PDB file of N, CA and C in Angstrom:
ATOM      1  N   MET A   1      40.141  27.213  50.154  1.00  0.00           N
ATOM      2  CA  MET A   1      41.194  26.697  49.322  1.00  0.00           C
ATOM      3  C   MET A   1      40.665  25.590  48.408  1.00  0.00           C
ATOM      4  N   LEU A   2      39.794  24.760  48.925  1.00  0.00           N
ATOM      5  CA  LEU A   2      39.268  23.652  48.144  1.00  0.00           C
ATOM      6  C   LEU A   2      38.386  24.195  46.984  1.00  0.00           C
ATOM      7  N   GLY A   3      37.630  25.268  47.271  1.00  0.00           N
ATOM      8  CA  GLY A   3      36.791  25.887  46.216  1.00  0.00           C
ATOM      9  C   GLY A   3      37.669  26.457  45.123  1.00  0.00           C
ATOM     10  N   PHE A   4      38.830  27.005  45.474  1.00  0.00           N
ATOM     11  CA  PHE A   4      39.734  27.560  44.450  1.00  0.00           C
ATOM     12  C   PHE A   4      40.275  26.425  43.583  1.00  0.00           C
ATOM     13  N   ILE A   5      40.589  25.285  44.125  1.00  0.00           N
ATOM     14  CA  ILE A   5      41.106  24.184  43.377  1.00  0.00           C
ATOM     15  C   ILE A   5      40.013  23.622  42.442  1.00  0.00           C
ATOM     16  N   VAL A   6      38.796  23.556  42.931  1.00  0.00           N
ATOM     17  CA  VAL A   6      37.709  23.071  42.089  1.00  0.00           C
ATOM     18  C   VAL A   6      37.436  24.036  40.965  1.00  0.00           C
ATOM     19  N   ALA A   7      37.459  25.324  41.255  1.00  0.00           N
ATOM     20  CA  ALA A   7      37.242  26.343  40.201  1.00  0.00           C
ATOM     21  C   ALA A   7      38.364  26.284  39.161  1.00  0.00           C
ATOM     22  N   LEU A   8      39.609  26.110  39.605  1.00  0.00           N
ATOM     23  CA  LEU A   8      40.736  25.990  38.697  1.00  0.00           C
ATOM     24  C   LEU A   8      40.603  24.731  37.847  1.00  0.00           C
ATOM     25  N   PHE A   9      40.145  23.650  38.447  1.00  0.00           N
ATOM     26  CA  PHE A   9      39.906  22.387  37.717  1.00  0.00           C
ATOM     27  C   PHE A   9      38.888  22.596  36.622  1.00  0.00           C
ATOM     28  N   PHE A  10      37.765  23.262  36.956  1.00  0.00           N
ATOM     29  CA  PHE A  10      36.713  23.522  35.996  1.00  0.00           C
ATOM     30  C   PHE A  10      37.173  24.478  34.886  1.00  0.00           C
ATOM     31  N   LEU A  11      38.011  25.442  35.225  1.00  0.00           N
ATOM     32  CA  LEU A  11      38.529  26.391  34.272  1.00  0.00           C
ATOM     33  C   LEU A  11      39.424  25.691  33.293  1.00  0.00           C
ATOM     34  N   VAL A  12      40.341  24.866  33.762  1.00  0.00           N
ATOM     35  CA  VAL A  12      41.244  24.115  32.868  1.00  0.00           C
ATOM     36  C   VAL A  12      40.447  23.105  32.064  1.00  0.00           C
ATOM     37  N   GLY A  13      39.470  22.471  32.707  1.00  0.00           N
ATOM     38  CA  GLY A  13      38.641  21.474  31.996  1.00  0.00           C
ATOM     39  C   GLY A  13      37.810  22.113  30.914  1.00  0.00           C
ATOM     40  N   SER A  14      37.355  23.349  31.135  1.00  0.00           N
ATOM     41  CA  SER A  14      36.529  24.007  30.114  1.00  0.00           C
ATOM     42  C   SER A  14      37.378  24.326  28.871  1.00  0.00           C
ATOM     43  N   PHE A  15      38.661  24.590  29.025  1.00  0.00           N
ATOM     44  CA  PHE A  15      39.521  24.823  27.872  1.00  0.00           C
ATOM     45  C   PHE A  15      39.734  23.554  27.076  1.00  0.00           C
ATOM     46  N   VAL A  16      39.525  22.404  27.677  1.00  0.00           N
ATOM     47  CA  VAL A  16      39.673  21.136  26.960  1.00  0.00           C
ATOM     48  C   VAL A  16      38.322  20.667  26.450  1.00  0.00           C
ATOM     49  N   VAL A  17      37.274  20.747  27.280  1.00  0.00           N
ATOM     50  CA  VAL A  17      35.997  20.177  26.929  1.00  0.00           C
ATOM     51  C   VAL A  17      35.237  21.001  25.884  1.00  0.00           C
ATOM     52  N   LEU A  18      35.256  22.331  26.050  1.00  0.00           N
ATOM     53  CA  LEU A  18      34.491  23.174  25.116  1.00  0.00           C
ATOM     54  C   LEU A  18      34.968  23.053  23.647  1.00  0.00           C
ATOM     55  N   PRO A  19      36.287  23.052  23.401  1.00  0.00           N
ATOM     56  CA  PRO A  19      36.716  22.830  22.011  1.00  0.00           C
ATOM     57  C   PRO A  19      36.303  21.455  21.511  1.00  0.00           C
ATOM     58  N   LEU A  20      36.343  20.448  22.366  1.00  0.00           N
ATOM     59  CA  LEU A  20      35.936  19.118  21.954  1.00  0.00           C
ATOM     60  C   LEU A  20      34.456  19.062  21.598  1.00  0.00           C
ATOM     61  N   ILE A  21      33.632  19.761  22.393  1.00  0.00           N
ATOM     62  CA  ILE A  21      32.181  19.831  22.095  1.00  0.00           C
ATOM     63  C   ILE A  21      31.962  20.558  20.765  1.00  0.00           C
ATOM     64  N   PHE A  22      32.689  21.679  20.605  1.00  0.00           N
ATOM     65  CA  PHE A  22      32.563  22.431  19.349  1.00  0.00           C
ATOM     66  C   PHE A  22      33.027  21.596  18.160  1.00  0.00           C
ATOM     67  N   LEU A  23      34.102  20.862  18.322  1.00  0.00           N
ATOM     68  CA  LEU A  23      34.625  19.974  17.261  1.00  0.00           C
ATOM     69  C   LEU A  23      33.629  18.851  16.936  1.00  0.00           C
ATOM     70  N   GLY A  24      32.989  18.321  17.961  1.00  0.00           N
ATOM     71  CA  GLY A  24      31.981  17.260  17.730  1.00  0.00           C
ATOM     72  C   GLY A  24      30.773  17.812  16.965  1.00  0.00           C
ATOM     73  N   VAL A  25      30.304  19.015  17.326  1.00  0.00           N
ATOM     74  CA  VAL A  25      29.169  19.604  16.612  1.00  0.00           C
ATOM     75  C   VAL A  25      29.559  19.901  15.182  1.00  0.00           C
ATOM     76  N   LEU A  26      30.777  20.445  14.988  1.00  0.00           N
ATOM     77  CA  LEU A  26      31.249  20.737  13.622  1.00  0.00           C
ATOM     78  C   LEU A  26      31.387  19.474  12.801  1.00  0.00           C
ATOM     79  N   LEU A  27      31.893  18.425  13.399  1.00  0.00           N
ATOM     80  CA  LEU A  27      32.048  17.142  12.687  1.00  0.00           C
ATOM     81  C   LEU A  27      30.701  16.544  12.305  1.00  0.00           C
ATOM     82  N   ARG A  28      29.725  16.616  13.219  1.00  0.00           N
ATOM     83  CA  ARG A  28      28.388  16.145  12.893  1.00  0.00           C
ATOM     84  C   ARG A  28      27.770  16.946  11.752  1.00  0.00           C
ATOM     85  N   LEU A  29      27.989  18.254  11.764  1.00  0.00           N
ATOM     86  CA  LEU A  29      27.479  19.102  10.709  1.00  0.00           C
ATOM     87  C   LEU A  29      28.107  18.757   9.349  1.00  0.00           C
ATOM     88  N   VAL A  30      29.412  18.550   9.311  1.00  0.00           N
ATOM     89  CA  VAL A  30      30.096  18.232   8.073  1.00  0.00           C
ATOM     90  C   VAL A  30      29.650  16.887   7.552  1.00  0.00           C
ATOM     91  N   VAL A  31      29.589  15.902   8.421  1.00  0.00           N
ATOM     92  CA  VAL A  31      29.144  14.557   8.027  1.00  0.00           C
ATOM     93  C   VAL A  31      27.682  14.601   7.559  1.00  0.00           C
ATOM     94  N   GLY A  32      26.858  15.361   8.272  1.00  0.00           N
ATOM     95  CA  GLY A  32      25.456  15.452   7.905  1.00  0.00           C
ATOM     96  C   GLY A  32      25.289  16.096   6.516  1.00  0.00           C
ATOM     97  N   LEU A  33      26.070  17.153   6.249  1.00  0.00           N
ATOM     98  CA  LEU A  33      26.031  17.781   4.929  1.00  0.00           C
ATOM     99  C   LEU A  33      26.607  16.868   3.837  1.00  0.00           C
ATOM    100  N   ALA A  34      27.620  16.097   4.159  1.00  0.00           N
ATOM    101  CA  ALA A  34      28.195  15.176   3.194  1.00  0.00           C
ATOM    102  C   ALA A  34      27.218  14.044   2.848  1.00  0.00           C
ATOM    103  N   LEU A  35      26.427  13.605   3.835  1.00  0.00           N
ATOM    104  CA  LEU A  35      25.511  12.530   3.582  1.00  0.00           C
ATOM    105  C   LEU A  35      24.095  12.995   3.185  1.00  0.00           C
ATOM    106  N   LEU A  36      23.896  14.288   3.059  1.00  0.00           N
ATOM    107  CA  LEU A  36      22.607  14.811   2.713  1.00  0.00           C
ATOM    108  C   LEU A  36      22.092  14.340   1.341  1.00  0.00           C
ATOM    109  N   PRO A  37      22.924  14.287   0.320  1.00  0.00           N
ATOM    110  CA  PRO A  37      22.417  13.774  -0.962  1.00  0.00           C
ATOM    111  C   PRO A  37      21.903  12.330  -0.857  1.00  0.00           C
ATOM    112  N   PHE A  38      22.583  11.514  -0.072  1.00  0.00           N
ATOM    113  CA  PHE A  38      22.131  10.142   0.099  1.00  0.00           C
ATOM    114  C   PHE A  38      20.819  10.068   0.867  1.00  0.00           C
ATOM    115  N   LYS A  39      20.605  10.966   1.835  1.00  0.00           N
ATOM    116  CA  LYS A  39      19.353  10.999   2.529  1.00  0.00           C
ATOM    117  C   LYS A  39      18.246  11.409   1.635  1.00  0.00           C
ATOM    118  N   ILE A  40      18.508  12.397   0.752  1.00  0.00           N
ATOM    119  CA  ILE A  40      17.487  12.840  -0.196  1.00  0.00           C
ATOM    120  C   ILE A  40      17.191  11.714  -1.181  1.00  0.00           C
ATOM    121  N   LEU A  41      18.196  10.996  -1.642  1.00  0.00           N
ATOM    122  CA  LEU A  41      17.994   9.878  -2.558  1.00  0.00           C
ATOM    123  C   LEU A  41      17.205   8.755  -1.877  1.00  0.00           C
ATOM    124  N   ALA A  42      17.486   8.507  -0.631  1.00  0.00           N
ATOM    125  CA  ALA A  42      16.773   7.460   0.125  1.00  0.00           C
ATOM    126  C   ALA A  42      15.312   7.878   0.284  1.00  0.00           C
ATOM    127  N   ALA A  43      15.045   9.147   0.523  1.00  0.00           N
ATOM    128  CA  ALA A  43      13.666   9.613   0.667  1.00  0.00           C
ATOM    129  C   ALA A  43      12.936   9.463  -0.657  1.00  0.00           C
ATOM    130  N   ALA A  44      13.585   9.787  -1.790  1.00  0.00           N
ATOM    131  CA  ALA A  44      12.953   9.688  -3.096  1.00  0.00           C
ATOM    132  C   ALA A  44      12.666   8.218  -3.438  1.00  0.00           C
ATOM    133  N   VAL A  45      13.615   7.325  -3.163  1.00  0.00           N
ATOM    134  CA  VAL A  45      13.403   5.906  -3.435  1.00  0.00           C
ATOM    135  C   VAL A  45      12.306   5.374  -2.532  1.00  0.00           C
ATOM    136  N   GLY A  46      12.314   5.779  -1.290  1.00  0.00           N
ATOM    137  CA  GLY A  46      11.237   5.326  -0.379  1.00  0.00           C
ATOM    138  C   GLY A  46       9.868   5.812  -0.820  1.00  0.00           C
ATOM    139  N   LEU A  47       9.805   7.059  -1.296  1.00  0.00           N
ATOM    140  CA  LEU A  47       8.549   7.581  -1.841  1.00  0.00           C
ATOM    141  C   LEU A  47       8.110   6.816  -3.049  1.00  0.00           C
ATOM    142  N   ALA A  48       9.036   6.513  -3.961  1.00  0.00           N
ATOM    143  CA  ALA A  48       8.682   5.761  -5.162  1.00  0.00           C
ATOM    144  C   ALA A  48       8.163   4.371  -4.809  1.00  0.00           C
ATOM    145  N   PHE A  49       8.875   3.694  -3.927  1.00  0.00           N
ATOM    146  CA  PHE A  49       8.420   2.357  -3.509  1.00  0.00           C
ATOM    147  C   PHE A  49       7.106   2.425  -2.774  1.00  0.00           C
ATOM    148  N   GLY A  50       6.878   3.487  -2.013  1.00  0.00           N
ATOM    149  CA  GLY A  50       5.613   3.661  -1.314  1.00  0.00           C
ATOM    150  C   GLY A  50       4.469   3.827  -2.291  1.00  0.00           C
ATOM    151  N   VAL A  51       4.651   4.643  -3.326  1.00  0.00           N
ATOM    152  CA  VAL A  51       3.610   4.839  -4.332  1.00  0.00           C
ATOM    153  C   VAL A  51       3.337   3.538  -5.085  1.00  0.00           C
ATOM    154  N   VAL A  52       4.398   2.864  -5.506  1.00  0.00           N
ATOM    155  CA  VAL A  52       4.204   1.614  -6.217  1.00  0.00           C
ATOM    156  C   VAL A  52       3.518   0.590  -5.322  1.00  0.00           C
ATOM    157  N   GLY A  53       3.895   0.526  -4.060  1.00  0.00           N
ATOM    158  CA  GLY A  53       3.289  -0.391  -3.114  1.00  0.00           C
ATOM    159  C   GLY A  53       1.817  -0.063  -2.894  1.00  0.00           C
ATOM    160  N   ALA A  54       1.491   1.236  -2.819  1.00  0.00           N
ATOM    161  CA  ALA A  54       0.095   1.613  -2.631  1.00  0.00           C
ATOM    162  C   ALA A  54      -0.737   1.248  -3.860  1.00  0.00           C
ATOM    163  N   ILE A  55      -0.232   1.480  -5.065  1.00  0.00           N
ATOM    164  CA  ILE A  55      -0.938   1.115  -6.285  1.00  0.00           C
ATOM    165  C   ILE A  55      -1.143  -0.400  -6.345  1.00  0.00           C
ATOM    166  N   PHE A  56      -0.074  -1.152  -6.064  1.00  0.00           N
ATOM    167  CA  PHE A  56      -0.136  -2.596  -6.060  1.00  0.00           C
ATOM    168  C   PHE A  56      -1.154  -3.087  -5.017  1.00  0.00           C
ATOM    169  N   GLY A  57      -1.155  -2.449  -3.864  1.00  0.00           N
ATOM    170  CA  GLY A  57      -2.094  -2.843  -2.830  1.00  0.00           C
ATOM    171  C   GLY A  57      -3.534  -2.566  -3.252  1.00  0.00           C
ATOM    172  N   LEU A  58      -3.787  -1.461  -3.904  1.00  0.00           N
ATOM    173  CA  LEU A  58      -5.131  -1.153  -4.397  1.00  0.00           C
ATOM    174  C   LEU A  58      -5.569  -2.171  -5.452  1.00  0.00           C
ATOM    175  N   ILE A  59      -4.669  -2.551  -6.337  1.00  0.00           N
ATOM    176  CA  ILE A  59      -5.011  -3.524  -7.369  1.00  0.00           C
ATOM    177  C   ILE A  59      -5.335  -4.878  -6.709  1.00  0.00           C
ATOM    178  N   VAL A  60      -4.501  -5.284  -5.785  1.00  0.00           N
ATOM    179  CA  VAL A  60      -4.745  -6.569  -5.093  1.00  0.00           C
ATOM    180  C   VAL A  60      -6.055  -6.526  -4.296  1.00  0.00           C
ATOM    181  N   ALA A  61      -6.316  -5.403  -3.680  1.00  0.00           N
ATOM    182  CA  ALA A  61      -7.555  -5.268  -2.911  1.00  0.00           C
ATOM    183  C   ALA A  61      -8.762  -5.329  -3.827  1.00  0.00           C
ATOM    184  N   ALA A  62      -8.708  -4.666  -4.999  1.00  0.00           N
ATOM    185  CA  ALA A  62      -9.821  -4.739  -5.925  1.00  0.00           C
ATOM    186  C   ALA A  62     -10.013  -6.156  -6.453  1.00  0.00           C
ATOM    187  N   PHE A  63      -8.916  -6.841  -6.748  1.00  0.00           N
ATOM    188  CA  PHE A  63      -9.018  -8.229  -7.204  1.00  0.00           C
ATOM    189  C   PHE A  63      -9.617  -9.113  -6.102  1.00  0.00           C
ATOM    190  N   ALA A  64      -9.221  -8.897  -4.870  1.00  0.00           N
ATOM    191  CA  ALA A  64      -9.765  -9.669  -3.770  1.00  0.00           C
ATOM    192  C   ALA A  64     -11.260  -9.408  -3.574  1.00  0.00           C
ATOM    193  N   ILE A  65     -11.674  -8.168  -3.722  1.00  0.00           N
ATOM    194  CA  ILE A  65     -13.100  -7.831  -3.599  1.00  0.00           C
ATOM    195  C   ILE A  65     -13.913  -8.510  -4.674  1.00  0.00           C
ATOM    196  N   VAL A  66     -13.359  -8.487  -5.905  1.00  0.00           N
ATOM    197  CA  VAL A  66     -14.101  -9.159  -7.028  1.00  0.00           C
ATOM    198  C   VAL A  66     -14.213 -10.652  -6.757  1.00  0.00           C
ATOM    199  N   ILE A  67     -13.133 -11.289  -6.325  1.00  0.00           N
ATOM    200  CA  ILE A  67     -13.182 -12.729  -6.027  1.00  0.00           C
ATOM    201  C   ILE A  67     -14.156 -13.011  -4.888  1.00  0.00           C
ATOM    202  N   ALA A  68     -14.142 -12.181  -3.881  1.00  0.00           N
ATOM    203  CA  ALA A  68     -15.047 -12.373  -2.750  1.00  0.00           C
ATOM    204  C   ALA A  68     -16.485 -12.223  -3.178  1.00  0.00           C
ATOM    205  N   LEU A  69     -16.771 -11.247  -4.033  1.00  0.00           N
ATOM    206  CA  LEU A  69     -18.157 -11.085  -4.522  1.00  0.00           C
ATOM    207  C   LEU A  69     -18.580 -12.253  -5.403  1.00  0.00           C
ATOM    208  N   LEU A  70     -17.683 -12.775  -6.172  1.00  0.00           N
ATOM    209  CA  LEU A  70     -17.998 -13.966  -7.000  1.00  0.00           C
ATOM    210  C   LEU A  70     -18.290 -15.174  -6.097  1.00  0.00           C
ATOM    211  N   VAL A  71     -17.476 -15.361  -5.068  1.00  0.00           N
ATOM    212  CA  VAL A  71     -17.713 -16.475  -4.157  1.00  0.00           C
ATOM    213  C   VAL A  71     -19.017 -16.318  -3.414  1.00  0.00           C
ATOM    214  N   VAL A  72     -19.322 -15.116  -2.928  1.00  0.00           N
ATOM    215  CA  VAL A  72     -20.602 -14.881  -2.249  1.00  0.00           C
ATOM    216  C   VAL A  72     -21.735 -15.069  -3.227  1.00  0.00           C
ATOM    217  N   GLY A  73     -21.590 -14.621  -4.465  1.00  0.00           N
ATOM    218  CA  GLY A  73     -22.632 -14.821  -5.473  1.00  0.00           C
ATOM    219  C   GLY A  73     -22.876 -16.296  -5.758  1.00  0.00           C
ATOM    220  N   LEU A  74     -21.826 -17.072  -5.812  1.00  0.00           N
ATOM    221  CA  LEU A  74     -22.009 -18.511  -6.062  1.00  0.00           C
ATOM    222  C   LEU A  74     -22.650 -19.179  -4.842  1.00  0.00           C
ATOM    223  N   VAL A  75     -22.285 -18.789  -3.659  1.00  0.00           N
ATOM    224  CA  VAL A  75     -22.857 -19.370  -2.458  1.00  0.00           C
ATOM    225  C   VAL A  75     -24.353 -19.043  -2.370  1.00  0.00           C
ATOM    226  N   VAL A  76     -24.731 -17.818  -2.805  1.00  0.00           N
ATOM    227  CA  VAL A  76     -26.132 -17.439  -2.777  1.00  0.00           C
ATOM    228  C   VAL A  76     -26.885 -18.106  -3.931  1.00  0.00           C
ATOM    229  N   ALA A  77     -26.232 -18.288  -5.086  1.00  0.00           N
ATOM    230  CA  ALA A  77     -26.903 -18.838  -6.266  1.00  0.00           C
ATOM    231  C   ALA A  77     -27.117 -20.365  -6.181  1.00  0.00           C
ATOM    232  N   ILE A  78     -26.323 -21.067  -5.426  1.00  0.00           N
ATOM    233  CA  ILE A  78     -26.439 -22.532  -5.370  1.00  0.00           C
ATOM    234  C   ILE A  78     -27.815 -22.992  -4.857  1.00  0.00           C
ATOM    235  N   PRO A  79     -28.379 -22.380  -3.797  1.00  0.00           N
ATOM    236  CA  PRO A  79     -29.707 -22.833  -3.397  1.00  0.00           C
ATOM    237  C   PRO A  79     -30.792 -22.551  -4.446  1.00  0.00           C
ATOM    238  N   PHE A  80     -30.604 -21.544  -5.284  1.00  0.00           N
ATOM    239  CA  PHE A  80     -31.605 -21.220  -6.309  1.00  0.00           C
ATOM    240  C   PHE A  80     -31.421 -22.030  -7.578  1.00  0.00           C
ATOM    241  N   LEU A  81     -30.411 -22.852  -7.660  1.00  0.00           N
ATOM    242  CA  LEU A  81     -30.107 -23.622  -8.876  1.00  0.00           C
ATOM    243  C   LEU A  81     -31.276 -24.554  -9.265  1.00  0.00           C
ATOM    244  N   PRO A  82     -31.865 -25.305  -8.318  1.00  0.00           N
ATOM    245  CA  PRO A  82     -33.002 -26.158  -8.738  1.00  0.00           C
ATOM    246  C   PRO A  82     -34.170 -25.320  -9.269  1.00  0.00           C
ATOM    247  N   ILE A  83     -34.450 -24.187  -8.668  1.00  0.00           N
ATOM    248  CA  ILE A  83     -35.528 -23.321  -9.155  1.00  0.00           C
ATOM    249  C   ILE A  83     -35.190 -22.835 -10.571  1.00  0.00           C
ATOM    250  N   LEU A  84     -33.951 -22.455 -10.825  1.00  0.00           N
ATOM    251  CA  LEU A  84     -33.546 -22.007 -12.148  1.00  0.00           C
ATOM    252  C   LEU A  84     -33.650 -23.131 -13.156  1.00  0.00           C
ATOM    253  N   LEU A  85     -33.295 -24.344 -12.779  1.00  0.00           N
ATOM    254  CA  LEU A  85     -33.379 -25.491 -13.686  1.00  0.00           C
ATOM    255  C   LEU A  85     -34.843 -25.795 -14.031  1.00  0.00           C
ATOM    256  N   ILE A  86     -35.719 -25.749 -13.051  1.00  0.00           N
ATOM    257  CA  ILE A  86     -37.160 -25.991 -13.326  1.00  0.00           C
ATOM    258  C   ILE A  86     -37.693 -24.888 -14.209  1.00  0.00           C
ATOM    259  N   GLY A  87     -37.313 -23.652 -13.961  1.00  0.00           N
ATOM    260  CA  GLY A  87     -37.750 -22.530 -14.827  1.00  0.00           C
ATOM    261  C   GLY A  87     -37.248 -22.683 -16.227  1.00  0.00           C
ATOM    262  N   ALA A  88     -35.997 -23.125 -16.415  1.00  0.00           N
ATOM    263  CA  ALA A  88     -35.448 -23.331 -17.753  1.00  0.00           C
ATOM    264  C   ALA A  88     -36.164 -24.469 -18.455  1.00  0.00           C
ATOM    265  N   ALA A  89     -36.509 -25.543 -17.718  1.00  0.00           N
ATOM    266  CA  ALA A  89     -37.242 -26.665 -18.346  1.00  0.00           C
ATOM    267  C   ALA A  89     -38.637 -26.209 -18.786  1.00  0.00           C
ATOM    268  N   VAL A  90     -39.341 -25.436 -17.994  1.00  0.00           N
ATOM    269  CA  VAL A  90     -40.668 -24.949 -18.342  1.00  0.00           C
ATOM    270  C   VAL A  90     -40.564 -24.043 -19.566  1.00  0.00           C
ATOM    271  N   TYR A  91     -39.554 -23.151 -19.569  1.00  0.00           N
ATOM    272  CA  TYR A  91     -39.357 -22.277 -20.742  1.00  0.00           C
ATOM    273  C   TYR A  91     -39.113 -23.087 -21.992  1.00  0.00           C
ATOM    274  N   LEU A  92     -38.282 -24.085 -21.910  1.00  0.00           N
ATOM    275  CA  LEU A  92     -37.992 -24.893 -23.084  1.00  0.00           C
ATOM    276  C   LEU A  92     -39.226 -25.667 -23.550  1.00  0.00           C
ATOM    277  N   LEU A  93     -40.052 -26.147 -22.613  1.00  0.00           N
ATOM    278  CA  LEU A  93     -41.309 -26.828 -22.994  1.00  0.00           C
ATOM    279  C   LEU A  93     -42.250 -25.884 -23.699  1.00  0.00           C
ATOM    280  N   PHE A  94     -42.444 -24.679 -23.185  1.00  0.00           N
ATOM    281  CA  PHE A  94     -43.325 -23.724 -23.854  1.00  0.00           C
ATOM    282  C   PHE A  94     -42.772 -23.313 -25.204  1.00  0.00           C
ATOM    283  N   ARG A  95     -41.482 -23.197 -25.311  1.00  0.00           N
ATOM    284  CA  ARG A  95     -40.866 -22.833 -26.591  1.00  0.00           C
ATOM    285  C   ARG A  95     -41.003 -23.970 -27.609  1.00  0.00           C
ATOM    286  N   LEU A  96     -40.945 -25.179 -27.118  1.00  0.00           N
ATOM    287  CA  LEU A  96     -41.093 -26.339 -27.991  1.00  0.00           C
ATOM    288  C   LEU A  96     -42.525 -26.448 -28.546  1.00  0.00           C
ATOM    289  N   THR A  97     -43.509 -26.072 -27.771  1.00  0.00           N
ATOM    290  CA  THR A  97     -44.905 -26.187 -28.203  1.00  0.00           C
ATOM    291  C   THR A  97     -45.318 -25.008 -29.070  1.00  0.00           C
ATOM    292  N   ARG A  98     -44.618 -23.925 -29.066  1.00  0.00           N
ATOM    293  CA  ARG A  98     -44.988 -22.777 -29.889  1.00  0.00           C
ATOM    294  C   ARG A  98     -44.592 -22.965 -31.332  1.00  0.00           C
ATOM    295  N   PRO A  99     -45.432 -22.601 -32.272  1.00  0.00           N
ATOM    296  CA  PRO A  99     -45.046 -22.768 -33.671  1.00  0.00           C
ATOM    297  C   PRO A  99     -43.953 -21.775 -34.061  1.00  0.00           C
ATOM    298  N   ARG A 100     -43.138 -22.171 -34.955  1.00  0.00           N
ATOM    299  CA  ARG A 100     -42.043 -21.300 -35.410  1.00  0.00           C
ATOM    300  C   ARG A 100     -42.569 -20.370 -36.522  1.00  0.00           C
ATOM    301  N   VAL A 101     -42.075 -19.144 -36.426  1.00  0.00           N
ATOM    302  CA  VAL A 101     -42.419 -18.169 -37.458  1.00  0.00           C
ATOM    303  C   VAL A 101     -41.236 -18.092 -38.401  1.00  0.00           C
ATOM    304  N   THR A 102     -41.534 -18.316 -39.683  1.00  0.00           N
ATOM    305  CA  THR A 102     -40.485 -18.243 -40.683  1.00  0.00           C
ATOM    306  C   THR A 102     -40.596 -16.906 -41.398  1.00  0.00           C
ATOM    307  N   LEU A 103     -39.553 -16.278 -41.601  1.00  0.00           N
ATOM    308  CA  LEU A 103     -39.525 -15.008 -42.325  1.00  0.00           C
ATOM    309  C   LEU A 103     -39.294 -15.280 -43.786  1.00  0.00           C
ATOM    310  N   ARG A 104     -40.183 -14.679 -44.638  1.00  0.00           N
ATOM    311  CA  ARG A 104     -39.997 -14.821 -46.065  1.00  0.00           C
ATOM    312  C   ARG A 104     -39.180 -13.655 -46.571  1.00  0.00           C
ATOM    313  N   PRO A 105     -38.233 -13.901 -47.377  1.00  0.00           N
ATOM    314  CA  PRO A 105     -37.453 -12.786 -47.929  1.00  0.00           C
ATOM    315  C   PRO A 105     -38.296 -11.977 -48.875  1.00  0.00           C
ATOM    316  N   SER A 106     -38.236 -10.678 -48.744  1.00  0.00           N
ATOM    317  CA  SER A 106     -38.986  -9.805 -49.655  1.00  0.00           C
ATOM    318  C   SER A 106     -38.185  -9.591 -50.894  1.00  0.00           C
ATOM    319  N   VAL A 107     -38.951  -9.684 -52.032  1.00  0.00           N
ATOM    320  CA  VAL A 107     -38.256  -9.607 -53.327  1.00  0.00           C
ATOM    321  C   VAL A 107     -38.431  -8.210 -53.887  1.00  0.00           C
TER     322      VAL A 107
END
């Protein structure tokens, strides 16, 4: 007798629960279809911002690499500065002692 009551309870409950499940699925489908254009628009905007962000990131990375190379170049060049100054002074002394060649205009 108890099994019959439980079966009857499930039978009556299925007439209530199954339409509610079907209605919930149908409502989700309708709302999903209604919001689909907004999801597509959000994907397009996200893609556009992603591309712009990637390009901006590449530009910033290139700028940072150039600045880093300049800083490294200066750090490496500072110890050679006295050698470069001595070389420039010797060059200027040799240039000072050399006679100048004047070009005559041809007539």
